[in-house]
N, C-alpha and C. Protein backbone atom coordinates (compact mmCIF):
# COMPACT_ATOMS: atom_id res chain seq x y z
N MET A 1 -8.42 -1.32 18.84
CA MET A 1 -9.53 -1.49 17.61
C MET A 1 -9.88 -2.52 16.79
N GLU A 2 -10.86 -3.27 16.70
CA GLU A 2 -11.36 -4.56 15.93
C GLU A 2 -10.98 -4.49 14.18
N TRP A 3 -10.36 -5.34 13.92
CA TRP A 3 -9.85 -4.78 12.76
C TRP A 3 -11.20 -4.84 11.61
N ARG A 4 -12.15 -5.48 12.12
CA ARG A 4 -13.14 -5.56 10.70
C ARG A 4 -13.72 -3.69 10.92
N ASN A 5 -13.31 -3.26 11.82
CA ASN A 5 -14.05 -1.70 11.94
C ASN A 5 -12.96 -0.51 10.83
N LEU A 6 -11.79 -1.10 10.33
CA LEU A 6 -10.88 0.17 9.85
C LEU A 6 -11.39 -0.07 8.02
N GLU A 7 -10.74 0.95 8.03
CA GLU A 7 -11.24 1.14 6.17
C GLU A 7 -10.31 0.23 5.59
N CYS A 8 -11.25 -0.33 4.21
CA CYS A 8 -10.46 -1.42 3.59
C CYS A 8 -10.10 -0.96 2.27
N PHE A 9 -8.47 -1.43 1.68
CA PHE A 9 -8.16 -1.63 -0.01
C PHE A 9 -7.47 -2.58 -0.22
N ALA A 10 -7.56 -2.70 -1.53
CA ALA A 10 -6.71 -3.19 -2.04
C ALA A 10 -5.37 -2.54 -3.10
N PHE A 11 -4.40 -3.42 -2.82
CA PHE A 11 -3.30 -2.80 -3.96
C PHE A 11 -3.82 -2.71 -5.60
N GLY A 12 -3.57 -1.75 -6.49
CA GLY A 12 -3.31 -2.19 -8.00
C GLY A 12 -4.49 -2.16 -8.61
N ASP A 13 -4.59 -2.40 -9.82
CA ASP A 13 -6.53 -1.91 -10.38
C ASP A 13 -6.84 -3.25 -10.79
N SER A 14 -6.50 -4.54 -11.06
CA SER A 14 -7.12 -5.70 -11.14
C SER A 14 -6.73 -6.80 -9.89
N GLY A 15 -7.71 -7.90 -9.53
CA GLY A 15 -7.45 -8.72 -8.90
C GLY A 15 -6.27 -9.38 -8.97
N GLU A 16 -5.38 -9.58 -9.88
CA GLU A 16 -4.21 -9.90 -10.08
C GLU A 16 -3.21 -9.39 -9.56
N LEU A 17 -3.22 -8.09 -9.96
CA LEU A 17 -2.07 -7.30 -9.61
C LEU A 17 -2.21 -7.30 -7.91
N ALA A 18 -3.57 -7.31 -7.40
CA ALA A 18 -3.88 -6.87 -5.77
C ALA A 18 -3.21 -7.83 -5.59
N ASP A 19 -3.43 -9.38 -5.77
CA ASP A 19 -2.71 -10.28 -5.05
C ASP A 19 -1.52 -10.62 -5.57
N GLU A 20 -0.63 -9.86 -6.28
CA GLU A 20 0.92 -9.91 -6.91
C GLU A 20 1.57 -9.28 -5.97
N LEU A 21 0.93 -8.08 -5.46
CA LEU A 21 1.67 -7.04 -4.80
C LEU A 21 1.36 -7.59 -3.16
N LEU A 22 0.34 -7.96 -2.76
CA LEU A 22 -0.15 -8.19 -1.40
C LEU A 22 1.36 -9.26 -0.95
N VAL A 23 1.52 -10.45 -2.04
CA VAL A 23 2.09 -11.38 -1.30
C VAL A 23 4.00 -10.62 -1.32
N LEU A 24 4.37 -9.57 -1.81
CA LEU A 24 5.39 -8.62 -2.05
C LEU A 24 4.95 -8.12 -0.48
N VAL A 25 4.10 -7.66 0.10
CA VAL A 25 4.01 -6.94 1.20
C VAL A 25 4.10 -7.97 2.07
N LEU A 26 3.74 -9.28 2.22
CA LEU A 26 3.70 -10.26 3.60
C LEU A 26 5.03 -10.97 3.77
N GLU A 27 5.88 -10.71 2.12
CA GLU A 27 6.74 -11.30 2.22
C GLU A 27 8.03 -9.82 2.70
N GLY A 28 7.81 -9.06 3.04
CA GLY A 28 8.45 -7.66 3.48
C GLY A 28 9.07 -6.99 2.28
N LYS A 29 8.87 -7.70 1.23
CA LYS A 29 9.62 -7.08 -0.21
C LYS A 29 8.82 -5.85 -0.34
N LYS A 30 7.87 -5.16 -0.13
CA LYS A 30 7.17 -4.08 -0.67
C LYS A 30 7.02 -3.40 0.96
N ARG A 31 7.46 -2.23 0.95
CA ARG A 31 6.83 -1.69 2.56
C ARG A 31 6.59 -0.11 2.14
N ALA A 32 6.31 0.21 1.21
CA ALA A 32 5.87 1.78 0.36
C ALA A 32 5.26 1.58 -0.62
N THR A 33 4.31 2.51 -0.95
CA THR A 33 3.46 2.54 -2.01
C THR A 33 3.20 3.82 -2.82
N CYS A 34 2.95 4.12 -3.63
CA CYS A 34 2.89 5.92 -4.35
C CYS A 34 1.41 5.89 -4.99
N TRP A 35 1.25 7.13 -5.42
CA TRP A 35 -0.16 7.23 -6.08
C TRP A 35 0.36 8.81 -7.03
N ALA A 36 -0.58 9.26 -7.82
CA ALA A 36 -0.37 10.76 -8.10
C ALA A 36 -1.06 11.31 -7.27
N VAL A 37 -0.35 12.83 -7.16
CA VAL A 37 -0.94 13.71 -6.13
C VAL A 37 -2.41 14.43 -6.64
N ALA A 38 -2.59 14.08 -7.44
CA ALA A 38 -3.81 14.84 -8.28
C ALA A 38 -4.86 13.41 -7.58
N GLU A 39 -4.70 12.44 -7.50
CA GLU A 39 -5.67 11.42 -7.02
C GLU A 39 -5.70 11.80 -5.34
N GLY A 40 -4.84 13.08 -4.64
CA GLY A 40 -5.70 13.57 -3.37
C GLY A 40 -4.48 12.26 -2.41
N MET A 41 -5.36 12.37 -1.07
CA MET A 41 -4.27 11.59 0.19
C MET A 41 -5.04 10.14 0.28
N LYS A 42 -6.46 10.15 -0.72
CA LYS A 42 -6.59 8.28 -0.88
C LYS A 42 -6.67 7.91 0.51
N GLY A 43 -7.03 8.73 1.67
CA GLY A 43 -7.57 8.17 2.98
C GLY A 43 -6.08 8.09 3.46
N ALA A 44 -5.24 8.35 3.57
CA ALA A 44 -3.75 8.17 4.32
C ALA A 44 -3.66 9.10 5.16
N GLU A 45 -3.43 8.84 6.45
CA GLU A 45 -2.90 9.08 7.61
C GLU A 45 -1.84 8.99 8.43
N LEU A 46 -1.28 9.64 8.79
CA LEU A 46 0.10 9.13 9.17
C LEU A 46 -0.30 8.11 10.75
N GLY A 47 0.13 7.12 11.04
CA GLY A 47 -0.57 6.35 11.92
C GLY A 47 -1.60 5.67 11.78
N LYS A 48 -2.19 5.81 10.63
CA LYS A 48 -3.62 4.92 10.74
C LYS A 48 -3.51 3.77 10.13
N SER A 49 -4.38 2.88 10.51
CA SER A 49 -4.03 1.30 10.22
C SER A 49 -5.51 1.04 9.42
N MET A 50 -5.12 0.15 8.26
CA MET A 50 -5.96 0.10 7.34
C MET A 50 -6.35 -1.30 6.79
N VAL A 51 -6.75 -2.27 6.44
CA VAL A 51 -7.38 -3.84 6.58
C VAL A 51 -6.73 -3.61 4.44
N VAL A 52 -5.92 -4.31 4.34
CA VAL A 52 -5.47 -5.10 2.61
C VAL A 52 -6.02 -6.14 2.46
N LEU A 53 -6.87 -5.74 1.53
CA LEU A 53 -7.61 -6.81 0.90
C LEU A 53 -6.77 -7.72 -0.57
N ASP A 54 -7.15 -9.08 -0.26
CA ASP A 54 -6.19 -9.97 -1.43
C ASP A 54 -7.26 -9.69 -3.16
N GLY A 55 -7.40 -10.28 -3.80
CA GLY A 55 -7.02 -9.85 -5.46
C GLY A 55 -8.68 -10.27 -5.41
N SER A 56 -9.79 -11.42 -4.43
CA SER A 56 -10.68 -11.86 -4.52
C SER A 56 -11.88 -10.78 -3.52
N GLY A 57 -11.14 -9.84 -2.72
CA GLY A 57 -12.15 -8.90 -1.40
C GLY A 57 -11.39 -9.35 0.10
N ARG A 58 -10.90 -10.47 -0.17
CA ARG A 58 -10.83 -10.83 1.41
C ARG A 58 -9.86 -10.48 2.17
N PRO A 59 -9.73 -9.87 3.44
CA PRO A 59 -8.93 -9.58 4.50
C PRO A 59 -8.12 -9.99 4.90
N ARG A 60 -6.62 -9.78 4.38
CA ARG A 60 -5.20 -10.48 4.76
C ARG A 60 -4.81 -10.00 5.94
N ALA A 61 -4.23 -8.39 6.29
CA ALA A 61 -3.51 -8.54 6.62
C ALA A 61 -4.09 -6.74 6.96
N VAL A 62 -3.22 -6.31 8.45
CA VAL A 62 -3.58 -5.20 8.73
C VAL A 62 -2.51 -4.13 8.73
N LEU A 63 -2.11 -2.82 7.90
CA LEU A 63 -0.81 -2.33 7.62
C LEU A 63 -1.44 -0.78 8.24
N ARG A 64 0.07 0.00 8.99
CA ARG A 64 -0.44 1.15 9.90
C ARG A 64 0.72 2.07 8.33
N THR A 65 0.24 3.53 8.50
CA THR A 65 1.43 3.98 7.73
C THR A 65 2.31 4.42 8.92
N LEU A 66 3.05 4.66 8.49
CA LEU A 66 4.37 5.40 9.13
C LEU A 66 5.29 6.38 9.16
N GLU A 67 4.80 6.82 7.62
CA GLU A 67 5.57 7.90 6.84
C GLU A 67 4.30 8.26 5.60
N LEU A 68 4.58 9.48 5.53
CA LEU A 68 3.83 9.87 4.29
C LEU A 68 5.12 10.97 3.66
N THR A 69 5.49 11.05 2.55
CA THR A 69 6.14 11.55 1.94
C THR A 69 5.87 12.37 0.53
N ILE A 70 5.88 13.38 -0.05
CA ILE A 70 5.11 13.87 -1.09
C ILE A 70 6.55 14.12 -1.71
N MET A 71 6.56 13.71 -2.82
CA MET A 71 7.72 13.85 -3.76
C MET A 71 7.75 13.92 -5.18
N ALA A 72 8.19 14.49 -5.83
CA ALA A 72 7.94 14.05 -7.95
C ALA A 72 8.85 12.80 -7.70
N ALA A 73 8.02 12.01 -8.59
CA ALA A 73 8.83 10.46 -9.26
C ALA A 73 9.93 10.81 -9.71
N ALA A 74 10.29 11.36 -10.07
CA ALA A 74 11.40 11.88 -10.72
C ALA A 74 12.78 11.97 -9.56
N SER A 75 12.29 12.14 -8.30
CA SER A 75 13.20 12.73 -7.67
C SER A 75 13.37 11.21 -6.21
N ALA A 76 12.80 10.49 -6.62
CA ALA A 76 12.94 9.39 -5.72
C ALA A 76 13.69 8.59 -5.67
N ALA A 77 14.31 7.98 -4.74
CA ALA A 77 15.37 7.45 -4.28
C ALA A 77 15.65 5.91 -4.90
N PRO A 78 17.00 5.76 -5.70
CA PRO A 78 16.93 4.57 -6.26
C PRO A 78 16.36 3.52 -5.15
N ASN A 79 16.57 3.64 -3.84
CA ASN A 79 16.24 2.12 -3.16
C ASN A 79 14.96 2.60 -2.84
N ASP A 80 13.78 3.14 -3.59
CA ASP A 80 12.60 3.23 -3.47
C ASP A 80 11.74 2.24 -4.57
N GLU A 81 12.62 2.06 -5.13
CA GLU A 81 12.36 0.86 -6.20
C GLU A 81 11.94 -0.25 -5.23
N ASN A 82 12.79 -0.55 -4.40
CA ASN A 82 12.77 -2.34 -4.06
C ASN A 82 11.86 -1.88 -2.81
N ARG A 83 11.46 -0.83 -1.92
CA ARG A 83 10.63 -0.65 -0.95
C ARG A 83 9.30 -0.45 -1.84
N LEU A 84 9.04 -0.20 -2.90
CA LEU A 84 7.70 -0.33 -3.61
C LEU A 84 7.68 -1.70 -4.21
N GLY A 85 8.22 -2.47 -4.05
CA GLY A 85 8.04 -3.68 -4.42
C GLY A 85 8.75 -4.36 -5.99
N ARG A 86 9.46 -3.33 -6.75
CA ARG A 86 9.53 -3.62 -7.81
C ARG A 86 10.71 -4.48 -8.11
N LEU A 87 10.96 -5.75 -8.11
CA LEU A 87 12.25 -6.41 -8.28
C LEU A 87 12.72 -6.47 -9.52
């Protein structure tokens, strides 16, 4: 499938945070993400590919969802912080 036809998104809630988190993704340090269950699935589907944008809205990478897990934040394993890119 052509990447231009894929759904797009950016990490975080600002251009600066989107760039910071994108660097962690591209370096392989951020391999997971999370959000409140009240926000719904936000388009996530197992096996779905999406284009991640940088803080200026430019496409930078295609990511594919390999796993979806719903859990309480308090029950996340200690290594989950590293997968989320909180170094």
